[in-house]
Amino acid sequence: MCTYAFVDYKVHYVCVPCRRSFKQPRRRQEPRCPRCARPMRYAGHDFAAPRRGDERRWRAVEAVLEAGLRYDGFEPCGCGRQPKPRPRTSAQVRARRRLAARTGLPEADALSLQL
């Protein structure tokens, strides 16, 4: 049964410079941040925003989104429920980037590995 096929779920959009996230219906055009008017980035269905003052976790969120990854626990159609590991701190991001440099993995693949 496809979880996302029959209902339009709201997804998370993130403004990393303002450290804000909002749930909105999925759109073709990215919404703008109400605070700074920059385009917000699509973060996926399962994004959990860190506290605004937690800089190391926001740097990890920025690195994940820069690599083109999203916070989704489901497959795009919603059938598979394999959790997708993502780094939670900037130290985990640095460790995975070192692993990517050492092994020749693309950065996005290294950031999605569970260590």
N, C-alpha and C. Protein backbone atom coordinates (compact mmCIF):
# COMPACT_ATOMS: atom_id res chain seq x y z
N MET A 1 0.85 -1.17 0.00
CA MET A 1 0.00 0.00 0.00
C MET A 1 0.89 1.24 0.00
N CYS A 2 0.69 2.12 -0.90
CA CYS A 2 1.49 3.34 -1.00
C CYS A 2 1.00 4.38 -0.01
N THR A 3 1.85 4.73 0.93
CA THR A 3 1.47 5.66 1.99
C THR A 3 1.24 7.07 1.47
N TYR A 4 2.10 7.54 0.59
CA TYR A 4 2.01 8.91 0.13
C TYR A 4 1.17 9.07 -1.14
N ALA A 5 0.59 8.01 -1.65
CA ALA A 5 -0.11 8.07 -2.92
C ALA A 5 -1.51 8.67 -2.82
N PHE A 6 -2.18 8.53 -1.69
CA PHE A 6 -3.58 8.90 -1.61
C PHE A 6 -3.83 10.20 -0.84
N VAL A 7 -2.89 10.66 -0.07
CA VAL A 7 -3.06 11.86 0.75
C VAL A 7 -1.90 12.80 0.46
N ASP A 8 -2.20 14.09 0.35
CA ASP A 8 -1.14 15.08 0.18
C ASP A 8 -0.66 15.52 1.56
N TYR A 9 0.47 14.99 1.98
CA TYR A 9 1.04 15.34 3.27
C TYR A 9 1.83 16.63 3.15
N LYS A 10 1.85 17.40 4.22
CA LYS A 10 2.69 18.58 4.24
C LYS A 10 4.14 18.14 4.45
N VAL A 11 5.05 18.88 3.86
CA VAL A 11 6.47 18.56 3.98
C VAL A 11 7.19 19.73 4.65
N HIS A 12 8.40 19.45 5.10
CA HIS A 12 9.19 20.47 5.80
C HIS A 12 10.01 21.28 4.81
N TYR A 13 9.98 22.57 4.98
CA TYR A 13 10.85 23.49 4.26
C TYR A 13 11.71 24.20 5.31
N VAL A 14 12.98 24.44 4.97
CA VAL A 14 13.94 24.96 5.94
C VAL A 14 14.64 26.19 5.39
N CYS A 15 14.81 27.18 6.25
CA CYS A 15 15.68 28.32 5.98
C CYS A 15 16.86 28.18 6.93
N VAL A 16 17.99 27.74 6.43
CA VAL A 16 19.15 27.48 7.29
C VAL A 16 19.73 28.77 7.87
N PRO A 17 19.87 29.87 7.10
CA PRO A 17 20.43 31.08 7.72
C PRO A 17 19.59 31.61 8.88
N CYS A 18 18.26 31.49 8.79
CA CYS A 18 17.37 31.96 9.87
C CYS A 18 17.13 30.88 10.92
N ARG A 19 17.50 29.64 10.60
CA ARG A 19 17.28 28.49 11.48
C ARG A 19 15.80 28.32 11.81
N ARG A 20 15.01 28.26 10.75
CA ARG A 20 13.57 28.08 10.90
C ARG A 20 13.10 27.00 9.93
N SER A 21 12.05 26.31 10.34
CA SER A 21 11.44 25.32 9.46
C SER A 21 9.93 25.44 9.56
N PHE A 22 9.27 25.14 8.45
CA PHE A 22 7.82 25.21 8.36
C PHE A 22 7.32 24.01 7.59
N LYS A 23 6.14 23.52 7.97
CA LYS A 23 5.47 22.47 7.20
C LYS A 23 4.46 23.14 6.30
N GLN A 24 4.57 22.84 5.01
CA GLN A 24 3.67 23.41 4.02
C GLN A 24 3.36 22.36 2.98
N PRO A 25 2.27 22.53 2.25
CA PRO A 25 2.00 21.59 1.16
C PRO A 25 3.12 21.66 0.12
N ARG A 26 3.42 20.53 -0.49
CA ARG A 26 4.49 20.48 -1.50
C ARG A 26 4.10 21.31 -2.70
N ARG A 27 5.02 22.14 -3.15
CA ARG A 27 4.77 23.03 -4.28
C ARG A 27 5.85 22.85 -5.33
N ARG A 28 5.55 23.29 -6.52
CA ARG A 28 6.57 23.26 -7.58
C ARG A 28 7.63 24.32 -7.31
N GLN A 29 7.18 25.45 -6.80
CA GLN A 29 8.09 26.55 -6.51
C GLN A 29 8.37 26.57 -5.01
N GLU A 30 9.63 26.70 -4.64
CA GLU A 30 9.98 26.72 -3.22
C GLU A 30 9.42 27.97 -2.56
N PRO A 31 8.82 27.82 -1.38
CA PRO A 31 8.30 29.01 -0.69
C PRO A 31 9.44 29.88 -0.17
N ARG A 32 9.12 31.10 0.13
CA ARG A 32 10.11 32.05 0.66
C ARG A 32 10.00 32.12 2.17
N CYS A 33 11.13 32.34 2.80
CA CYS A 33 11.18 32.49 4.25
C CYS A 33 10.45 33.77 4.66
N PRO A 34 9.54 33.70 5.62
CA PRO A 34 8.83 34.92 6.02
C PRO A 34 9.73 35.94 6.74
N ARG A 35 10.89 35.49 7.20
CA ARG A 35 11.78 36.40 7.93
C ARG A 35 12.76 37.12 7.00
N CYS A 36 13.42 36.36 6.10
CA CYS A 36 14.46 36.96 5.27
C CYS A 36 14.12 37.00 3.78
N ALA A 37 13.03 36.37 3.38
CA ALA A 37 12.54 36.33 1.99
C ALA A 37 13.43 35.53 1.04
N ARG A 38 14.36 34.73 1.57
CA ARG A 38 15.15 33.83 0.72
C ARG A 38 14.32 32.58 0.43
N PRO A 39 14.61 31.90 -0.67
CA PRO A 39 13.89 30.64 -0.92
C PRO A 39 14.23 29.60 0.14
N MET A 40 13.21 28.93 0.63
CA MET A 40 13.42 27.88 1.62
C MET A 40 13.73 26.58 0.89
N ARG A 41 14.40 25.65 1.57
CA ARG A 41 14.81 24.40 0.94
C ARG A 41 13.93 23.26 1.40
N TYR A 42 13.61 22.39 0.48
CA TYR A 42 12.80 21.20 0.78
C TYR A 42 13.64 20.24 1.62
N ALA A 43 13.13 19.85 2.81
CA ALA A 43 13.89 18.98 3.70
C ALA A 43 13.29 17.59 3.82
N GLY A 44 12.10 17.37 3.31
CA GLY A 44 11.50 16.04 3.35
C GLY A 44 10.36 15.92 4.34
N HIS A 45 9.80 14.72 4.42
CA HIS A 45 8.66 14.46 5.29
C HIS A 45 9.06 14.29 6.75
N ASP A 46 10.24 13.77 7.03
CA ASP A 46 10.61 13.36 8.38
C ASP A 46 11.68 14.23 9.02
N PHE A 47 11.76 15.48 8.64
CA PHE A 47 12.76 16.39 9.21
C PHE A 47 12.34 16.80 10.62
N ALA A 48 13.28 16.79 11.54
CA ALA A 48 13.06 17.28 12.90
C ALA A 48 14.06 18.40 13.13
N ALA A 49 13.57 19.61 13.23
CA ALA A 49 14.44 20.78 13.34
C ALA A 49 15.12 20.82 14.70
N PRO A 50 16.42 21.10 14.72
CA PRO A 50 17.11 21.30 16.00
C PRO A 50 16.70 22.65 16.60
N ARG A 51 17.07 22.86 17.84
CA ARG A 51 16.81 24.16 18.47
C ARG A 51 17.59 25.25 17.74
N ARG A 52 17.06 26.46 17.76
CA ARG A 52 17.70 27.55 17.02
C ARG A 52 19.12 27.83 17.49
N GLY A 53 19.41 27.64 18.76
CA GLY A 53 20.73 27.94 19.29
C GLY A 53 21.76 26.85 19.10
N ASP A 54 21.36 25.71 18.58
CA ASP A 54 22.26 24.56 18.44
C ASP A 54 22.99 24.65 17.09
N GLU A 55 24.11 25.37 17.07
CA GLU A 55 24.83 25.64 15.82
C GLU A 55 25.37 24.38 15.16
N ARG A 56 25.91 23.45 15.93
CA ARG A 56 26.54 22.27 15.32
C ARG A 56 25.50 21.39 14.64
N ARG A 57 24.30 21.31 15.18
CA ARG A 57 23.26 20.53 14.50
C ARG A 57 22.73 21.23 13.26
N TRP A 58 22.65 22.56 13.28
CA TRP A 58 22.23 23.28 12.09
C TRP A 58 23.29 23.20 10.99
N ARG A 59 24.58 23.15 11.37
CA ARG A 59 25.62 22.96 10.35
C ARG A 59 25.49 21.58 9.71
N ALA A 60 25.10 20.58 10.51
CA ALA A 60 24.88 19.24 9.97
C ALA A 60 23.69 19.24 9.01
N VAL A 61 22.62 19.93 9.37
CA VAL A 61 21.44 20.04 8.49
C VAL A 61 21.84 20.70 7.18
N GLU A 62 22.62 21.77 7.26
CA GLU A 62 23.06 22.47 6.06
C GLU A 62 23.91 21.56 5.16
N ALA A 63 24.81 20.77 5.75
CA ALA A 63 25.65 19.87 4.97
C ALA A 63 24.82 18.79 4.28
N VAL A 64 23.82 18.27 4.98
CA VAL A 64 22.96 17.23 4.40
C VAL A 64 22.18 17.81 3.22
N LEU A 65 21.60 18.99 3.39
CA LEU A 65 20.81 19.60 2.32
C LEU A 65 21.70 20.03 1.15
N GLU A 66 22.91 20.50 1.44
CA GLU A 66 23.85 20.87 0.37
C GLU A 66 24.25 19.66 -0.47
N ALA A 67 24.33 18.49 0.16
CA ALA A 67 24.70 17.27 -0.56
C ALA A 67 23.54 16.73 -1.39
N GLY A 68 22.36 17.36 -1.29
CA GLY A 68 21.22 16.90 -2.06
C GLY A 68 20.40 15.82 -1.38
N LEU A 69 20.66 15.57 -0.11
CA LEU A 69 19.90 14.55 0.62
C LEU A 69 18.70 15.19 1.30
N ARG A 70 17.73 14.36 1.63
CA ARG A 70 16.53 14.82 2.33
C ARG A 70 16.31 13.95 3.55
N TYR A 71 15.45 14.39 4.42
CA TYR A 71 15.09 13.64 5.62
C TYR A 71 13.77 12.91 5.35
N ASP A 72 13.87 11.78 4.69
CA ASP A 72 12.70 10.97 4.38
C ASP A 72 12.92 9.56 4.88
N GLY A 73 11.97 9.03 5.63
CA GLY A 73 12.06 7.66 6.11
C GLY A 73 11.41 6.68 5.17
N PHE A 74 10.55 7.18 4.28
CA PHE A 74 9.87 6.33 3.32
C PHE A 74 10.56 6.42 1.97
N GLU A 75 10.30 5.45 1.14
CA GLU A 75 10.67 5.55 -0.27
C GLU A 75 9.78 6.62 -0.88
N PRO A 76 10.10 7.14 -2.08
CA PRO A 76 9.28 8.20 -2.66
C PRO A 76 7.80 7.85 -2.78
N CYS A 77 7.47 6.60 -3.03
CA CYS A 77 6.05 6.24 -3.15
C CYS A 77 5.46 5.92 -1.78
N GLY A 78 6.28 5.71 -0.77
CA GLY A 78 5.79 5.44 0.57
C GLY A 78 5.71 3.98 0.92
N CYS A 79 6.13 3.10 0.03
CA CYS A 79 6.00 1.66 0.28
C CYS A 79 7.06 1.13 1.25
N GLY A 80 8.29 1.54 1.09
CA GLY A 80 9.38 1.03 1.93
C GLY A 80 9.56 1.88 3.17
N ARG A 81 9.86 1.25 4.27
CA ARG A 81 10.05 1.98 5.53
C ARG A 81 11.48 1.83 6.04
N GLN A 82 12.45 1.91 5.20
CA GLN A 82 13.84 1.83 5.63
C GLN A 82 14.28 3.20 6.14
N PRO A 83 14.71 3.30 7.38
CA PRO A 83 15.16 4.61 7.88
C PRO A 83 16.43 5.04 7.17
N LYS A 84 16.52 6.32 6.91
CA LYS A 84 17.67 6.87 6.23
C LYS A 84 18.54 7.60 7.26
N PRO A 85 19.70 7.05 7.60
CA PRO A 85 20.54 7.72 8.60
C PRO A 85 21.13 9.01 8.06
N ARG A 86 21.15 10.02 8.88
CA ARG A 86 21.74 11.31 8.54
C ARG A 86 22.60 11.76 9.71
N PRO A 87 23.69 12.46 9.44
CA PRO A 87 24.51 12.97 10.55
C PRO A 87 23.72 13.99 11.36
N ARG A 88 23.93 13.98 12.66
CA ARG A 88 23.19 14.89 13.53
C ARG A 88 24.04 16.04 14.03
N THR A 89 25.35 15.91 13.97
CA THR A 89 26.24 16.97 14.46
C THR A 89 27.31 17.26 13.41
N SER A 90 27.96 18.40 13.56
CA SER A 90 29.01 18.76 12.61
C SER A 90 30.20 17.81 12.73
N ALA A 91 30.44 17.23 13.90
CA ALA A 91 31.53 16.25 14.05
C ALA A 91 31.24 15.00 13.22
N GLN A 92 30.01 14.56 13.19
CA GLN A 92 29.65 13.41 12.36
C GLN A 92 29.79 13.73 10.88
N VAL A 93 29.47 14.96 10.50
CA VAL A 93 29.64 15.39 9.10
C VAL A 93 31.12 15.34 8.73
N ARG A 94 31.99 15.87 9.60
CA ARG A 94 33.43 15.86 9.32
C ARG A 94 33.95 14.44 9.20
N ALA A 95 33.51 13.54 10.08
CA ALA A 95 33.97 12.14 10.03
C ALA A 95 33.54 11.47 8.73
N ARG A 96 32.34 11.73 8.28
CA ARG A 96 31.86 11.12 7.04
C ARG A 96 32.53 11.73 5.81
N ARG A 97 32.86 13.01 5.89
CA ARG A 97 33.59 13.62 4.77
C ARG A 97 35.01 13.07 4.69
N ARG A 98 35.65 12.83 5.84
CA ARG A 98 36.98 12.21 5.83
C ARG A 98 36.90 10.81 5.23
N LEU A 99 35.85 10.07 5.58
CA LEU A 99 35.66 8.73 5.03
C LEU A 99 35.48 8.80 3.52
N ALA A 100 34.73 9.78 3.03
CA ALA A 100 34.52 9.94 1.60
C ALA A 100 35.84 10.24 0.89
N ALA A 101 36.66 11.10 1.49
CA ALA A 101 37.95 11.44 0.88
C ALA A 101 38.88 10.24 0.86
N ARG A 102 38.84 9.44 1.94
CA ARG A 102 39.72 8.29 2.05
C ARG A 102 39.32 7.17 1.09
N THR A 103 38.02 6.93 0.94
CA THR A 103 37.56 5.78 0.16
C THR A 103 37.15 6.13 -1.26
N GLY A 104 36.98 7.42 -1.57
CA GLY A 104 36.57 7.82 -2.91
C GLY A 104 35.06 7.79 -3.11
N LEU A 105 34.31 7.64 -2.05
CA LEU A 105 32.84 7.68 -2.15
C LEU A 105 32.38 9.09 -2.47
N PRO A 106 31.27 9.25 -3.18
CA PRO A 106 30.69 10.59 -3.31
C PRO A 106 30.23 11.08 -1.93
N GLU A 107 30.27 12.38 -1.73
CA GLU A 107 29.94 12.95 -0.41
C GLU A 107 28.52 12.60 0.02
N ALA A 108 27.58 12.62 -0.91
CA ALA A 108 26.18 12.29 -0.56
C ALA A 108 26.06 10.87 -0.06
N ASP A 109 26.80 9.93 -0.67
CA ASP A 109 26.75 8.54 -0.21
C ASP A 109 27.38 8.39 1.17
N ALA A 110 28.47 9.12 1.40
CA ALA A 110 29.13 9.04 2.70
C ALA A 110 28.26 9.64 3.80
N LEU A 111 27.54 10.72 3.49
CA LEU A 111 26.68 11.33 4.50
C LEU A 111 25.47 10.47 4.82
N SER A 112 25.10 9.56 3.94
CA SER A 112 23.94 8.71 4.21
C SER A 112 24.33 7.37 4.84
N LEU A 113 25.61 7.16 5.08
CA LEU A 113 26.04 5.92 5.73
C LEU A 113 25.78 5.98 7.23
N GLN A 114 25.54 4.83 7.81
CA GLN A 114 25.43 4.74 9.28
C GLN A 114 26.77 4.28 9.81
N LEU A 115 27.37 5.08 10.67
CA LEU A 115 28.68 4.72 11.25
C LEU A 115 28.52 4.25 12.67
